[in-house]
PDB file of N, CA and C in Angstrom:
ATOM      1  N   MET A   1     258.359-260.849 -57.616  1.00  0.00           N
ATOM      2  CA  MET A   1     259.727-260.559 -58.021  1.00  0.00           C
ATOM      3  C   MET A   1     259.871-259.055 -58.199  1.00  0.00           C
ATOM      4  N   SER A   2     260.960-258.507 -57.705  1.00  0.00           N
ATOM      5  CA  SER A   2     261.210-257.082 -57.892  1.00  0.00           C
ATOM      6  C   SER A   2     262.550-256.896 -58.598  1.00  0.00           C
ATOM      7  N   PHE A   3     262.690-255.743 -59.225  1.00  0.00           N
ATOM      8  CA  PHE A   3     263.895-255.411 -59.977  1.00  0.00           C
ATOM      9  C   PHE A   3     264.526-254.194 -59.326  1.00  0.00           C
ATOM     10  N   SER A   4     265.806-254.289 -59.055  1.00  0.00           N
ATOM     11  CA  SER A   4     266.516-253.227 -58.357  1.00  0.00           C
ATOM     12  C   SER A   4     267.478-252.535 -59.315  1.00  0.00           C
ATOM     13  N   CYS A   5     267.489-251.205 -59.266  1.00  0.00           N
ATOM     14  CA  CYS A   5     268.426-250.431 -60.071  1.00  0.00           C
ATOM     15  C   CYS A   5     269.826-250.610 -59.482  1.00  0.00           C
ATOM     16  N   GLU A   6     270.760-251.004 -60.320  1.00  0.00           N
ATOM     17  CA  GLU A   6     272.116-251.258 -59.844  1.00  0.00           C
ATOM     18  C   GLU A   6     272.882-249.971 -59.519  1.00  0.00           C
ATOM     19  N   TYR A   7     272.343-248.816 -59.896  1.00  0.00           N
ATOM     20  CA  TYR A   7     273.025-247.546 -59.656  1.00  0.00           C
ATOM     21  C   TYR A   7     272.513-246.820 -58.417  1.00  0.00           C
ATOM     22  N   CYS A   8     271.179-246.775 -58.255  1.00  0.00           N
ATOM     23  CA  CYS A   8     270.617-246.031 -57.121  1.00  0.00           C
ATOM     24  C   CYS A   8     269.851-246.935 -56.155  1.00  0.00           C
ATOM     25  N   GLU A   9     269.736-248.213 -56.477  1.00  0.00           N
ATOM     26  CA  GLU A   9     269.118-249.239 -55.622  1.00  0.00           C
ATOM     27  C   GLU A   9     267.614-249.087 -55.431  1.00  0.00           C
ATOM     28  N   LYS A  10     266.965-248.280 -56.279  1.00  0.00           N
ATOM     29  CA  LYS A  10     265.512-248.159 -56.211  1.00  0.00           C
ATOM     30  C   LYS A  10     264.884-249.448 -56.724  1.00  0.00           C
ATOM     31  N   GLU A  11     263.768-249.861 -56.118  1.00  0.00           N
ATOM     32  CA  GLU A  11     263.087-251.109 -56.454  1.00  0.00           C
ATOM     33  C   GLU A  11     261.905-250.861 -57.393  1.00  0.00           C
ATOM     34  N   PHE A  12     261.697-251.788 -58.336  1.00  0.00           N
ATOM     35  CA  PHE A  12     260.592-251.723 -59.289  1.00  0.00           C
ATOM     36  C   PHE A  12     259.930-253.083 -59.400  1.00  0.00           C
ATOM     37  N   SER A  13     258.619-253.076 -59.632  1.00  0.00           N
ATOM     38  CA  SER A  13     257.898-254.335 -59.750  1.00  0.00           C
ATOM     39  C   SER A  13     257.976-254.901 -61.166  1.00  0.00           C
ATOM     40  N   LEU A  14     258.239-254.047 -62.150  1.00  0.00           N
ATOM     41  CA  LEU A  14     258.334-254.489 -63.544  1.00  0.00           C
ATOM     42  C   LEU A  14     259.686-254.103 -64.132  1.00  0.00           C
ATOM     43  N   HIS A  15     260.237-254.988 -64.940  1.00  0.00           N
ATOM     44  CA  HIS A  15     261.531-254.733 -65.571  1.00  0.00           C
ATOM     45  C   HIS A  15     261.459-253.516 -66.493  1.00  0.00           C
ATOM     46  N   GLY A  16     260.350-253.328 -67.191  1.00  0.00           N
ATOM     47  CA  GLY A  16     260.177-252.176 -68.071  1.00  0.00           C
ATOM     48  C   GLY A  16     260.234-250.857 -67.323  1.00  0.00           C
ATOM     49  N   ASN A  17     259.689-250.838 -66.118  1.00  0.00           N
ATOM     50  CA  ASN A  17     259.744-249.627 -65.305  1.00  0.00           C
ATOM     51  C   ASN A  17     261.183-249.312 -64.885  1.00  0.00           C
ATOM     52  N   LEU A  18     261.949-250.350 -64.600  1.00  0.00           N
ATOM     53  CA  LEU A  18     263.359-250.167 -64.264  1.00  0.00           C
ATOM     54  C   LEU A  18     264.105-249.562 -65.445  1.00  0.00           C
ATOM     55  N   LEU A  19     263.882-250.089 -66.641  1.00  0.00           N
ATOM     56  CA  LEU A  19     264.569-249.574 -67.828  1.00  0.00           C
ATOM     57  C   LEU A  19     264.198-248.116 -68.106  1.00  0.00           C
ATOM     58  N   LYS A  20     262.914-247.801 -67.973  1.00  0.00           N
ATOM     59  CA  LYS A  20     262.484-246.412 -68.182  1.00  0.00           C
ATOM     60  C   LYS A  20     263.134-245.505 -67.146  1.00  0.00           C
ATOM     61  N   HIS A  21     263.176-245.940 -65.914  1.00  0.00           N
ATOM     62  CA  HIS A  21     263.827-245.182 -64.841  1.00  0.00           C
ATOM     63  C   HIS A  21     265.278-244.896 -65.197  1.00  0.00           C
ATOM     64  N   GLN A  22     266.001-245.910 -65.659  1.00  0.00           N
ATOM     65  CA  GLN A  22     267.419-245.744 -65.962  1.00  0.00           C
ATOM     66  C   GLN A  22     267.642-244.831 -67.167  1.00  0.00           C
ATOM     67  N   LYS A  23     266.674-244.726 -68.052  1.00  0.00           N
ATOM     68  CA  LYS A  23     266.802-243.872 -69.232  1.00  0.00           C
ATOM     69  C   LYS A  23     266.402-242.428 -68.961  1.00  0.00           C
ATOM     70  N   THR A  24     265.476-242.198 -68.013  1.00  0.00           N
ATOM     71  CA  THR A  24     264.880-240.866 -67.903  1.00  0.00           C
ATOM     72  C   THR A  24     265.060-240.168 -66.563  1.00  0.00           C
ATOM     73  N   THR A  25     265.600-240.812 -65.568  1.00  0.00           N
ATOM     74  CA  THR A  25     265.736-240.192 -64.257  1.00  0.00           C
ATOM     75  C   THR A  25     267.118-239.559 -64.154  1.00  0.00           C
ATOM     76  N   LYS A  26     267.139-238.235 -64.022  1.00  0.00           N
ATOM     77  CA  LYS A  26     268.403-237.509 -64.082  1.00  0.00           C
ATOM     78  C   LYS A  26     269.406-237.950 -63.030  1.00  0.00           C
ATOM     79  N   TYR A  27     268.955-238.157 -61.795  1.00  0.00           N
ATOM     80  CA  TYR A  27     269.924-238.547 -60.770  1.00  0.00           C
ATOM     81  C   TYR A  27     270.502-239.927 -61.054  1.00  0.00           C
ATOM     82  N   CYS A  28     269.718-240.807 -61.652  1.00  0.00           N
ATOM     83  CA  CYS A  28     270.228-242.137 -61.987  1.00  0.00           C
ATOM     84  C   CYS A  28     271.194-242.056 -63.174  1.00  0.00           C
ATOM     85  N   ILE A  29     270.886-241.219 -64.148  1.00  0.00           N
ATOM     86  CA  ILE A  29     271.790-241.024 -65.286  1.00  0.00           C
ATOM     87  C   ILE A  29     273.127-240.468 -64.783  1.00  0.00           C
ATOM     88  N   LYS A  30     273.067-239.540 -63.843  1.00  0.00           N
ATOM     89  CA  LYS A  30     274.283-238.963 -63.270  1.00  0.00           C
ATOM     90  C   LYS A  30     275.105-240.043 -62.566  1.00  0.00           C
ATOM     91  N   LEU A  31     274.433-240.907 -61.805  1.00  0.00           N
ATOM     92  CA  LEU A  31     275.144-242.000 -61.131  1.00  0.00           C
ATOM     93  C   LEU A  31     275.761-242.964 -62.138  1.00  0.00           C
ATOM     94  N   GLN A  32     275.059-243.229 -63.237  1.00  0.00           N
ATOM     95  CA  GLN A  32     275.597-244.106 -64.277  1.00  0.00           C
ATOM     96  C   GLN A  32     276.884-243.533 -64.846  1.00  0.00           C
ATOM     97  N   LYS A  33     276.885-242.228 -65.112  1.00  0.00           N
ATOM     98  CA  LYS A  33     278.076-241.579 -65.659  1.00  0.00           C
ATOM     99  C   LYS A  33     279.229-241.631 -64.665  1.00  0.00           C
ATOM    100  N   GLU A  34     278.937-241.380 -63.391  1.00  0.00           N
ATOM    101  CA  GLU A  34     279.977-241.389 -62.361  1.00  0.00           C
ATOM    102  C   GLU A  34     280.591-242.768 -62.174  1.00  0.00           C
ATOM    103  N   LYS A  35     279.751-243.790 -62.202  1.00  0.00           N
ATOM    104  CA  LYS A  35     280.240-245.144 -61.914  1.00  0.00           C
ATOM    105  C   LYS A  35     280.930-245.789 -63.104  1.00  0.00           C
ATOM    106  N   THR A  36     280.537-245.420 -64.330  1.00  0.00           N
ATOM    107  CA  THR A  36     281.063-246.143 -65.483  1.00  0.00           C
ATOM    108  C   THR A  36     281.654-245.252 -66.565  1.00  0.00           C
ATOM    109  N   ASN A  37     281.605-243.936 -66.404  1.00  0.00           N
ATOM    110  CA  ASN A  37     282.036-242.982 -67.425  1.00  0.00           C
ATOM    111  C   ASN A  37     281.213-243.059 -68.702  1.00  0.00           C
ATOM    112  N   GLN A  38     280.081-243.733 -68.649  1.00  0.00           N
ATOM    113  CA  GLN A  38     279.163-243.785 -69.780  1.00  0.00           C
ATOM    114  C   GLN A  38     277.778-244.136 -69.268  1.00  0.00           C
ATOM    115  N   ILE A  39     276.788-243.868 -70.082  1.00  0.00           N
ATOM    116  CA  ILE A  39     275.424-244.240 -69.721  1.00  0.00           C
ATOM    117  C   ILE A  39     275.177-245.631 -70.275  1.00  0.00           C
ATOM    118  N   ILE A  40     274.866-246.581 -69.399  1.00  0.00           N
ATOM    119  CA  ILE A  40     274.709-247.976 -69.784  1.00  0.00           C
ATOM    120  C   ILE A  40     273.496-248.177 -70.681  1.00  0.00           C
ATOM    121  N   VAL A  41     272.358-247.677 -70.258  1.00  0.00           N
ATOM    122  CA  VAL A  41     271.130-247.834 -71.025  1.00  0.00           C
ATOM    123  C   VAL A  41     271.104-246.741 -72.077  1.00  0.00           C
ATOM    124  N   ASN A  42     270.735-247.079 -73.307  1.00  0.00           N
ATOM    125  CA  ASN A  42     270.689-246.100 -74.385  1.00  0.00           C
ATOM    126  C   ASN A  42     269.795-244.934 -73.987  1.00  0.00           C
ATOM    127  N   CYS A  43     270.380-243.778 -73.826  1.00  0.00           N
ATOM    128  CA  CYS A  43     269.653-242.608 -73.343  1.00  0.00           C
ATOM    129  C   CYS A  43     269.971-241.422 -74.233  1.00  0.00           C
ATOM    130  N   ASN A  44     268.948-240.818 -74.802  1.00  0.00           N
ATOM    131  CA  ASN A  44     269.132-239.627 -75.613  1.00  0.00           C
ATOM    132  C   ASN A  44     268.657-238.426 -74.822  1.00  0.00           C
ATOM    133  N   LEU A  45     269.580-237.552 -74.473  1.00  0.00           N
ATOM    134  CA  LEU A  45     269.201-236.338 -73.792  1.00  0.00           C
ATOM    135  C   LEU A  45     268.874-235.284 -74.838  1.00  0.00           C
ATOM    136  N   PHE A  46     267.817-234.527 -74.599  1.00  0.00           N
ATOM    137  CA  PHE A  46     267.392-233.470 -75.496  1.00  0.00           C
ATOM    138  C   PHE A  46     267.864-232.153 -74.894  1.00  0.00           C
ATOM    139  N   LYS A  47     268.610-231.357 -75.675  1.00  0.00           N
ATOM    140  CA  LYS A  47     269.173-230.118 -75.164  1.00  0.00           C
ATOM    141  C   LYS A  47     268.469-228.930 -75.801  1.00  0.00           C
ATOM    142  N   CYS A  48     268.062-227.974 -74.963  1.00  0.00           N
ATOM    143  CA  CYS A  48     267.419-226.754 -75.438  1.00  0.00           C
ATOM    144  C   CYS A  48     268.429-225.972 -76.271  1.00  0.00           C
ATOM    145  N   GLU A  49     268.047-225.586 -77.463  1.00  0.00           N
ATOM    146  CA  GLU A  49     268.959-224.861 -78.346  1.00  0.00           C
ATOM    147  C   GLU A  49     269.173-223.412 -77.915  1.00  0.00           C
ATOM    148  N   TYR A  50     268.389-222.936 -76.957  1.00  0.00           N
ATOM    149  CA  TYR A  50     268.502-221.553 -76.490  1.00  0.00           C
ATOM    150  C   TYR A  50     269.262-221.443 -75.170  1.00  0.00           C
ATOM    151  N   CYS A  51     268.920-222.246 -74.187  1.00  0.00           N
ATOM    152  CA  CYS A  51     269.556-222.148 -72.866  1.00  0.00           C
ATOM    153  C   CYS A  51     270.420-223.368 -72.540  1.00  0.00           C
ATOM    154  N   TYR A  52     270.394-224.390 -73.397  1.00  0.00           N
ATOM    155  CA  TYR A  52     271.222-225.597 -73.281  1.00  0.00           C
ATOM    156  C   TYR A  52     270.890-226.495 -72.097  1.00  0.00           C
ATOM    157  N   LYS A  53     269.721-226.297 -71.517  1.00  0.00           N
ATOM    158  CA  LYS A  53     269.268-227.185 -70.451  1.00  0.00           C
ATOM    159  C   LYS A  53     268.938-228.544 -71.063  1.00  0.00           C
ATOM    160  N   GLU A  54     269.220-229.624 -70.335  1.00  0.00           N
ATOM    161  CA  GLU A  54     269.003-230.974 -70.854  1.00  0.00           C
ATOM    162  C   GLU A  54     267.733-231.586 -70.287  1.00  0.00           C
ATOM    163  N   PHE A  55     267.043-232.361 -71.146  1.00  0.00           N
ATOM    164  CA  PHE A  55     265.808-233.040 -70.778  1.00  0.00           C
ATOM    165  C   PHE A  55     265.898-234.487 -71.212  1.00  0.00           C
ATOM    166  N   THR A  56     265.203-235.341 -70.482  1.00  0.00           N
ATOM    167  CA  THR A  56     265.286-236.769 -70.768  1.00  0.00           C
ATOM    168  C   THR A  56     264.195-237.258 -71.709  1.00  0.00           C
ATOM    169  N   THR A  57     263.155-236.461 -71.923  1.00  0.00           N
ATOM    170  CA  THR A  57     262.111-236.875 -72.866  1.00  0.00           C
ATOM    171  C   THR A  57     261.776-235.724 -73.802  1.00  0.00           C
ATOM    172  N   LYS A  58     261.330-236.064 -74.990  1.00  0.00           N
ATOM    173  CA  LYS A  58     260.960-235.060 -75.978  1.00  0.00           C
ATOM    174  C   LYS A  58     259.769-234.233 -75.492  1.00  0.00           C
ATOM    175  N   ASN A  59     258.850-234.865 -74.805  1.00  0.00           N
ATOM    176  CA  ASN A  59     257.699-234.158 -74.270  1.00  0.00           C
ATOM    177  C   ASN A  59     258.133-233.063 -73.288  1.00  0.00           C
ATOM    178  N   ASN A  60     259.105-233.356 -72.445  1.00  0.00           N
ATOM    179  CA  ASN A  60     259.578-232.372 -71.476  1.00  0.00           C
ATOM    180  C   ASN A  60     260.248-231.183 -72.148  1.00  0.00           C
ATOM    181  N   ILE A  61     261.047-231.433 -73.191  1.00  0.00           N
ATOM    182  CA  ILE A  61     261.701-230.304 -73.854  1.00  0.00           C
ATOM    183  C   ILE A  61     260.687-229.468 -74.628  1.00  0.00           C
ATOM    184  N   ASN A  62     259.684-230.105 -75.209  1.00  0.00           N
ATOM    185  CA  ASN A  62     258.650-229.347 -75.910  1.00  0.00           C
ATOM    186  C   ASN A  62     257.892-228.441 -74.947  1.00  0.00           C
ATOM    187  N   ARG A  63     257.612-228.930 -73.758  1.00  0.00           N
ATOM    188  CA  ARG A  63     256.948-228.120 -72.742  1.00  0.00           C
ATOM    189  C   ARG A  63     257.865-226.983 -72.294  1.00  0.00           C
ATOM    190  N   HIS A  64     259.149-227.249 -72.185  1.00  0.00           N
ATOM    191  CA  HIS A  64     260.119-226.229 -71.801  1.00  0.00           C
ATOM    192  C   HIS A  64     260.173-225.104 -72.829  1.00  0.00           C
ATOM    193  N   TYR A  65     260.125-225.443 -74.119  1.00  0.00           N
ATOM    194  CA  TYR A  65     260.200-224.422 -75.166  1.00  0.00           C
ATOM    195  C   TYR A  65     259.083-223.388 -75.043  1.00  0.00           C
ATOM    196  N   GLU A  66     257.966-223.769 -74.468  1.00  0.00           N
ATOM    197  CA  GLU A  66     256.858-222.831 -74.303  1.00  0.00           C
ATOM    198  C   GLU A  66     257.196-221.722 -73.307  1.00  0.00           C
ATOM    199  N   THR A  67     258.148-221.977 -72.402  1.00  0.00           N
ATOM    200  CA  THR A  67     258.452-221.009 -71.350  1.00  0.00           C
ATOM    201  C   THR A  67     259.924-220.614 -71.280  1.00  0.00           C
ATOM    202  N   CYS A  68     260.743-221.061 -72.200  1.00  0.00           N
ATOM    203  CA  CYS A  68     262.180-220.757 -72.150  1.00  0.00           C
ATOM    204  C   CYS A  68     262.393-219.253 -72.334  1.00  0.00           C
ATOM    205  N   LEU A  69     262.937-218.604 -71.326  1.00  0.00           N
ATOM    206  CA  LEU A  69     263.126-217.157 -71.362  1.00  0.00           C
ATOM    207  C   LEU A  69     264.171-216.733 -72.394  1.00  0.00           C
ATOM    208  N   LYS A  70     265.225-217.497 -72.549  1.00  0.00           N
ATOM    209  CA  LYS A  70     266.262-217.144 -73.521  1.00  0.00           C
ATOM    210  C   LYS A  70     265.728-217.232 -74.948  1.00  0.00           C
ATOM    211  N   LYS A  71     264.778-218.112 -75.174  1.00  0.00           N
ATOM    212  CA  LYS A  71     264.162-218.221 -76.498  1.00  0.00           C
ATOM    213  C   LYS A  71     263.457-216.907 -76.843  1.00  0.00           C
ATOM    214  N   TYR A  72     262.738-216.358 -75.895  1.00  0.00           N
ATOM    215  CA  TYR A  72     261.989-215.133 -76.155  1.00  0.00           C
ATOM    216  C   TYR A  72     262.886-213.916 -76.200  1.00  0.00           C
ATOM    217  N   LYS A  73     264.027-213.940 -75.543  1.00  0.00           N
ATOM    218  CA  LYS A  73     264.963-212.827 -75.587  1.00  0.00           C
ATOM    219  C   LYS A  73     265.670-212.745 -76.932  1.00  0.00           C
ATOM    220  N   LYS A  74     265.798-213.878 -77.626  1.00  0.00           N
ATOM    221  CA  LYS A  74     266.484-213.912 -78.921  1.00  0.00           C
ATOM    222  C   LYS A  74     265.592-213.416 -80.059  1.00  0.00           C
ATOM    223  N   ARG A  75     264.320-213.289 -79.815  1.00  0.00           N
ATOM    224  CA  ARG A  75     263.404-212.858 -80.880  1.00  0.00           C
ATOM    225  C   ARG A  75     263.525-211.393 -81.158  1.00  0.00           C
TER     226      ARG A  75
END
């Protein structure tokens, strides 16, 4: 049995992988917003407080903070 994303039609072997994809894949989140004017799956985007770039996971934004140029310019 496979699970298909209703927004981008990508196939997944596990339902959990589909849900993670819908929460963290930027192009799929964008398609969700375009098709429904809202994000269907509960998704928290993390925004850099210095350059306002958005990230889908806390780990990604923490890694970004190590190299954010605007952060170092504000010091």
